[in-house]
Protein backbone atom coordinates (compact mmCIF):
# COMPACT_ATOMS: atom_id res chain seq x y z
CA MET A 1 101.61 -35.20 29.21
CA ILE A 2 99.71 -32.06 30.29
CA LEU A 3 98.04 -30.35 27.74
CA THR A 4 96.86 -26.68 28.58
CA VAL A 5 94.55 -24.73 26.43
CA CYS A 6 94.66 -20.85 26.90
CA ILE A 7 92.00 -19.37 24.94
CA SER A 8 93.09 -15.61 25.67
CA PRO A 9 96.37 -15.16 25.99
CA SER A 10 97.53 -11.72 27.18
CA VAL A 11 100.86 -9.42 27.40
CA ASP A 12 101.10 -8.37 31.00
CA VAL A 13 102.53 -5.35 31.75
CA THR A 14 103.25 -5.44 35.77
CA ILE A 15 104.11 -1.74 37.14
CA GLU A 16 105.72 -1.21 40.41
CA LEU A 17 104.90 1.60 42.46
CA ASP A 18 105.19 3.63 45.84
CA GLN A 19 101.94 4.32 45.80
CA LEU A 20 98.85 4.22 43.30
CA ASN A 21 97.23 7.93 43.41
CA ILE A 22 94.19 7.59 41.47
CA GLY A 23 93.86 11.20 39.66
CA LYS A 24 97.38 12.19 40.15
CA VAL A 25 100.52 11.28 38.42
CA ASN A 26 102.54 8.34 39.45
CA LEU A 27 105.89 7.47 39.14
CA VAL A 28 107.19 4.14 38.00
CA LYS A 29 110.02 2.22 40.22
CA SER A 30 110.05 -0.62 38.03
CA LYS A 31 108.12 -2.00 34.58
CA THR A 32 107.70 -5.96 33.31
CA PHE A 33 106.59 -7.63 30.35
CA SER A 34 105.19 -10.96 30.77
CA PHE A 35 103.50 -13.32 27.54
CA THR A 36 101.37 -14.92 29.35
CA GLY A 37 97.37 -16.19 29.56
CA LYS A 38 96.35 -18.33 32.64
CA ALA A 39 97.11 -21.77 30.56
CA ILE A 40 100.43 -20.69 29.29
CA ASN A 41 101.25 -19.88 33.17
CA VAL A 42 100.47 -23.30 33.93
CA ALA A 43 102.51 -24.70 31.13
CA ILE A 44 105.41 -23.04 32.53
CA GLY A 45 104.63 -23.89 36.11
CA VAL A 46 103.82 -27.59 34.76
CA SER A 47 107.66 -27.53 33.07
CA ARG A 48 109.28 -26.35 36.04
CA LEU A 49 108.45 -29.27 38.23
CA GLY A 50 109.96 -31.33 35.92
CA ALA A 51 106.56 -32.77 34.17
CA GLU A 52 105.82 -32.25 30.21
CA ALA A 53 103.73 -29.74 29.36
CA TYR A 54 101.99 -28.83 25.92
CA ALA A 55 100.57 -25.44 25.13
CA THR A 56 97.95 -24.80 22.44
CA GLY A 57 95.42 -22.24 22.13
CA PHE A 58 94.68 -18.97 20.23
CA MET A 59 97.24 -17.12 18.93
CA TYR A 60 97.64 -13.44 17.07
CA ASN A 61 99.59 -12.35 13.93
CA GLU A 62 101.39 -9.17 15.21
CA ASN A 63 103.00 -9.91 18.75
CA GLY A 64 102.39 -13.48 18.91
CA VAL A 65 105.90 -14.77 18.34
CA MET A 66 107.20 -12.90 21.83
CA PHE A 67 105.01 -15.99 23.38
CA GLU A 68 106.58 -18.49 21.26
CA GLN A 69 109.38 -17.16 22.50
CA ALA A 70 108.66 -17.41 26.12
CA LEU A 71 107.73 -20.84 25.64
CA ASP A 72 110.62 -21.78 24.18
CA LYS A 73 112.84 -20.66 26.74
CA GLU A 74 110.87 -22.49 29.48
CA GLY A 75 110.80 -25.73 27.05
CA VAL A 76 107.35 -25.99 26.51
CA PRO A 77 106.22 -27.45 23.12
CA PHE A 78 103.31 -24.96 21.56
CA ALA A 79 100.75 -25.12 18.34
CA PHE A 80 98.34 -22.37 18.47
CA VAL A 81 95.72 -21.66 16.14
CA TRP A 82 96.64 -18.13 14.37
CA ASN A 83 94.63 -15.29 14.03
CA GLY A 84 95.01 -11.50 12.90
CA GLY A 85 95.34 -8.79 15.33
CA ARG A 86 97.38 -8.47 18.25
CA VAL A 87 97.47 -10.11 21.72
CA ARG A 88 95.88 -7.56 24.06
CA GLU A 89 97.34 -6.09 27.20
CA ASN A 90 96.66 -6.34 30.82
CA TYR A 91 98.15 -3.89 33.34
CA LYS A 92 98.79 -4.33 36.91
CA PHE A 93 99.84 -1.87 39.17
CA ILE A 94 101.41 -2.91 42.32
CA ASP A 95 102.06 -0.54 45.34
CA LYS A 96 104.50 -1.02 48.19
CA ARG A 97 101.60 -2.59 49.96
CA SER A 98 101.45 -5.28 47.83
CA MET A 99 98.13 -3.99 46.77
CA LEU A 100 97.25 -5.14 43.47
CA THR A 101 94.94 -3.24 40.84
CA GLU A 102 94.39 -4.74 37.45
CA ILE A 103 93.21 -3.22 34.30
CA ASN A 104 92.49 -6.02 31.80
CA ASP A 105 91.97 -5.44 27.90
CA ILE A 106 89.32 -7.54 26.24
CA GLY A 107 90.61 -9.73 23.30
CA GLU A 108 90.33 -9.50 19.89
CA HIS A 109 87.37 -11.35 17.22
CA VAL A 110 87.97 -14.95 16.30
CA SER A 111 85.89 -16.59 13.27
CA THR A 112 83.61 -19.42 13.43
CA GLU A 113 86.29 -21.15 11.41
CA LYS A 114 89.15 -20.51 14.04
CA LEU A 115 86.98 -21.97 16.88
CA VAL A 116 86.51 -24.80 15.26
CA GLU A 117 89.62 -25.14 14.24
CA LEU A 118 90.83 -25.22 18.16
CA LEU A 119 88.55 -28.02 18.89
CA SER A 120 90.00 -30.17 16.54
CA MET A 121 93.58 -29.25 18.00
CA VAL A 122 92.37 -30.06 21.11
CA ARG A 123 90.58 -33.17 20.18
CA ASN A 124 94.02 -34.53 18.75
CA LEU A 125 96.36 -33.13 21.13
CA SER A 126 94.16 -34.66 24.27
CA SER A 127 94.37 -37.81 23.17
CA ARG A 128 98.12 -37.97 24.09
CA ALA A 129 97.57 -36.31 27.62
CA ASN A 130 96.98 -37.54 30.55
CA VAL A 131 95.50 -34.28 32.01
CA THR A 132 94.08 -31.16 30.12
CA VAL A 133 93.81 -27.60 31.72
CA ILE A 134 91.57 -25.73 30.03
CA ALA A 135 91.56 -22.04 31.66
CA GLY A 136 91.32 -18.14 31.07
CA SER A 137 88.55 -15.90 29.95
CA LEU A 138 87.34 -15.87 25.92
CA PRO A 139 88.27 -13.51 23.30
CA ARG A 140 85.66 -10.79 22.54
CA GLY A 141 82.08 -12.13 21.10
CA VAL A 142 82.69 -15.70 22.04
CA ASP A 143 79.68 -17.20 23.48
CA PRO A 144 80.19 -18.86 27.23
CA ALA A 145 79.25 -22.21 25.35
CA TYR A 146 82.20 -22.88 23.75
CA TYR A 147 84.15 -23.74 27.47
CA ARG A 148 81.28 -26.84 27.31
CA ASP A 149 82.29 -27.45 23.48
CA LEU A 150 85.98 -27.30 24.33
CA VAL A 151 85.52 -29.82 27.75
CA LYS A 152 83.41 -32.07 25.66
CA THR A 153 86.01 -32.27 22.74
CA VAL A 154 89.05 -33.61 25.25
CA ASP A 155 89.76 -37.27 24.86
CA PRO A 156 87.84 -39.49 27.26
CA ASN A 157 91.15 -40.72 29.11
CA SER A 158 92.24 -37.12 29.83
CA LEU A 159 91.66 -35.72 33.09
CA LYS A 160 90.13 -32.71 32.86
CA ILE A 161 90.83 -29.30 34.56
CA VAL A 162 88.77 -25.95 34.43
CA ASP A 163 90.06 -22.44 36.45
CA THR A 164 87.50 -20.15 34.75
CA GLU A 165 84.46 -18.12 36.35
CA GLY A 166 80.74 -17.47 35.89
CA ALA A 167 78.71 -18.58 32.78
CA LYS A 168 82.03 -20.28 31.38
CA LEU A 169 82.26 -22.38 34.43
CA PHE A 170 78.48 -23.39 34.14
CA SER A 171 78.99 -24.06 30.95
CA ALA A 172 82.06 -26.40 31.35
CA LEU A 173 80.42 -28.01 34.15
CA GLU A 174 77.53 -29.15 31.79
CA ALA A 175 80.36 -31.53 30.10
CA GLU A 176 81.54 -32.83 33.65
CA VAL A 177 84.75 -31.42 34.63
CA ASP A 178 87.49 -33.82 37.29
CA LEU A 179 88.70 -30.63 39.00
CA VAL A 180 87.77 -26.88 39.18
CA LYS A 181 89.92 -24.01 40.52
CA PRO A 182 87.98 -20.80 41.49
CA ASN A 183 89.39 -18.37 43.66
CA LEU A 184 86.98 -17.52 47.09
CA GLU A 185 85.60 -13.88 45.02
CA GLU A 186 85.44 -16.24 41.59
CA LEU A 187 83.00 -18.29 43.50
CA GLN A 188 80.83 -16.03 45.30
CA GLU A 189 80.55 -13.59 42.18
CA THR A 190 79.53 -16.86 40.21
CA LEU A 191 76.64 -17.93 42.71
CA GLY A 192 75.75 -14.59 43.26
CA ARG A 193 75.91 -14.65 47.05
CA GLU A 194 78.90 -14.26 49.74
CA PHE A 195 79.59 -16.62 52.16
CA LYS A 196 79.77 -15.78 55.85
CA ASP A 197 81.43 -18.60 57.04
CA LYS A 198 82.77 -22.19 56.77
CA ASP A 199 79.39 -24.12 56.20
CA ASP A 200 78.65 -21.35 53.46
CA MET A 201 81.64 -21.96 51.91
CA LEU A 202 81.10 -25.47 51.37
CA ALA A 203 77.39 -25.21 50.22
CA GLY A 204 78.90 -22.94 47.38
CA CYS A 205 81.65 -25.80 46.54
CA ARG A 206 78.64 -28.79 46.98
CA GLU A 207 76.29 -26.51 44.36
CA ILE A 208 79.60 -26.81 41.77
CA LEU A 209 80.00 -30.47 42.81
CA ASP A 210 76.20 -31.10 41.82
CA ARG A 211 76.55 -29.35 38.50
CA GLY A 212 79.28 -31.48 36.79
CA ALA A 213 82.52 -31.25 39.15
CA LYS A 214 84.17 -33.89 40.34
CA ALA A 215 86.33 -32.08 42.97
CA VAL A 216 86.65 -28.63 43.99
CA LEU A 217 90.27 -27.08 44.47
CA LEU A 218 88.92 -23.61 46.34
CA SER A 219 91.59 -20.94 46.70
CA LEU A 220 91.68 -18.89 49.89
CA GLY A 221 94.24 -16.58 49.03
CA LYS A 222 96.96 -15.87 51.73
CA ASP A 223 95.04 -18.28 54.18
CA GLY A 224 95.42 -21.18 51.77
CA ALA A 225 92.85 -23.30 50.37
CA VAL A 226 90.42 -26.33 50.56
CA ILE A 227 89.50 -29.45 48.41
CA THR A 228 86.45 -31.10 48.42
CA ASP A 229 85.10 -34.01 46.70
CA GLY A 230 81.38 -33.76 48.55
CA SER A 231 82.26 -36.23 51.17
CA LYS A 232 85.77 -34.96 51.90
CA ASN A 233 86.99 -31.92 53.19
CA TYR A 234 90.62 -30.96 53.60
CA TYR A 235 92.34 -27.61 54.22
CA CYS A 236 95.91 -26.34 53.88
CA ARG A 237 97.08 -23.36 55.72
CA SER A 238 99.72 -21.60 53.35
CA ILE A 239 102.61 -19.85 55.41
CA ASN A 240 103.75 -16.73 56.03
CA VAL A 241 106.31 -15.35 53.41
CA ALA A 242 107.26 -11.96 51.59
CA VAL A 243 104.83 -11.06 49.33
CA ASN A 244 105.78 -9.53 46.16
CA SER A 245 103.24 -10.20 43.77
CA THR A 246 99.97 -12.09 43.37
CA VAL A 247 100.44 -12.63 40.00
CA GLY A 248 100.05 -16.00 38.67
CA ALA A 249 99.28 -17.34 42.25
CA GLY A 250 96.25 -19.25 41.13
CA ASP A 251 97.97 -20.84 38.01
CA GLY A 252 100.80 -22.35 39.72
CA MET A 253 98.17 -23.89 42.16
CA VAL A 254 96.22 -25.63 38.98
CA ALA A 255 100.06 -26.27 37.76
CA ALA A 256 101.28 -28.49 40.72
CA ALA A 257 97.38 -29.54 40.95
CA ALA A 258 97.72 -31.04 37.50
CA VAL A 259 100.98 -32.49 38.05
CA LYS A 260 99.65 -34.63 40.97
CA MET A 261 96.74 -35.38 39.67
CA GLN A 262 98.70 -37.22 36.45
CA GLU A 263 100.54 -39.01 39.30
CA GLY A 264 97.54 -40.27 40.49
CA ALA A 265 97.49 -38.44 43.96
CA ASP A 266 94.90 -38.24 46.59
CA LEU A 267 92.87 -35.08 47.39
CA PRO A 268 95.22 -34.01 50.17
CA GLU A 269 98.43 -34.65 48.22
CA ILE A 270 96.70 -32.22 45.31
CA LEU A 271 95.84 -29.65 48.03
CA ARG A 272 99.28 -29.71 49.20
CA ALA A 273 101.29 -29.02 45.93
CA GLY A 274 98.75 -26.42 45.09
CA VAL A 275 99.39 -24.32 48.21
CA ALA A 276 102.71 -24.59 48.06
CA ALA A 277 103.03 -23.64 44.09
CA GLY A 278 100.93 -20.57 44.69
CA THR A 279 102.92 -19.67 47.74
CA ALA A 280 105.96 -19.87 45.86
CA THR A 281 104.36 -17.91 43.35
CA VAL A 282 103.57 -14.74 45.43
CA THR A 283 107.50 -14.28 46.59
CA THR A 284 108.50 -13.40 43.20
CA PHE A 285 107.93 -10.14 41.35
CA GLY A 286 107.53 -9.80 37.90
CA THR A 287 107.43 -13.00 37.30
CA ILE A 288 104.10 -15.51 36.42
CA SER A 289 105.41 -18.99 38.18
CA PHE A 290 108.05 -20.03 40.64
CA THR A 291 111.24 -21.86 41.25
CA LYS A 292 111.05 -25.83 41.58
CA GLU A 293 113.30 -25.18 44.61
CA LYS A 294 110.84 -22.34 46.55
CA TYR A 295 108.04 -25.19 45.67
CA GLU A 296 109.65 -27.70 47.58
CA GLU A 297 111.08 -25.47 50.27
CA ILE A 298 107.14 -24.54 50.84
CA TYR A 299 105.58 -27.77 50.34
CA ARG A 300 108.04 -29.51 53.30
CA ASN A 301 106.29 -26.83 55.75
CA LEU A 302 102.67 -27.64 54.88
CA LEU A 303 100.32 -29.31 56.97
CA VAL A 304 96.82 -30.71 55.42
CA THR A 305 93.96 -31.27 58.29
CA GLU A 306 90.51 -32.95 57.16
CA PHE A 307 87.63 -30.94 58.37
């Protein structure tokens, strides 16, 4: 089983426009609602790949039932820690050039009792999980150190994947993590510097490894991704596809990586699967995951090289 921990779910409102004109009236071509959150997206991706997923995390009384219905539809079981209020709403504007503009809300406050309750739930559920994925932002006012607490409470026999950035990532690394999955922009912002070339990029990955990660899967967007454990570095170039939306691409990558880690795959195979799932996700509009058929089609055409 792959357990996913969603600390800050969101309702994603994806709006397609011909062009986003700041300060002017814009006409909507299409609008879709997704009941999501990075770890929820991962759970759905895991399920679509035919593996067993289980979702947990925080949920909110006013509109949380929509998330339950979405997970039921995907065949993903779940157990949440419930809170008052409603799930935050994020707005994603996509114009005809496939440019994405995001406006992200901040989550509701969560009580200390609820924070402790989630730790207990993760402790119990991870004892049955081969892999545990902790991903996303934190509710309003929660200290980044909570990421460390979550990672530490995961059963020691469960592999740990973290997908977050900044102080939250540094906090998680204090408890040691098997795989982290930043994208290039997140890693640069986390380390406070720009990467000018491949050597800079690898140096950034090594810093994350030195802080407590066993491997780094670094997404490079349309250019693919790299994976490294400090001694071996691998690169996988993506293939050209029609990009309808980049929403959820990183979560698809994490889902496929988690499935491969559960299977005991090596680094090149984890990388290849991650790039295939991430690429398959961008071919869809208004959804936060991929189809297994598209994943397999892309997977067959990918090549991993050592560098």
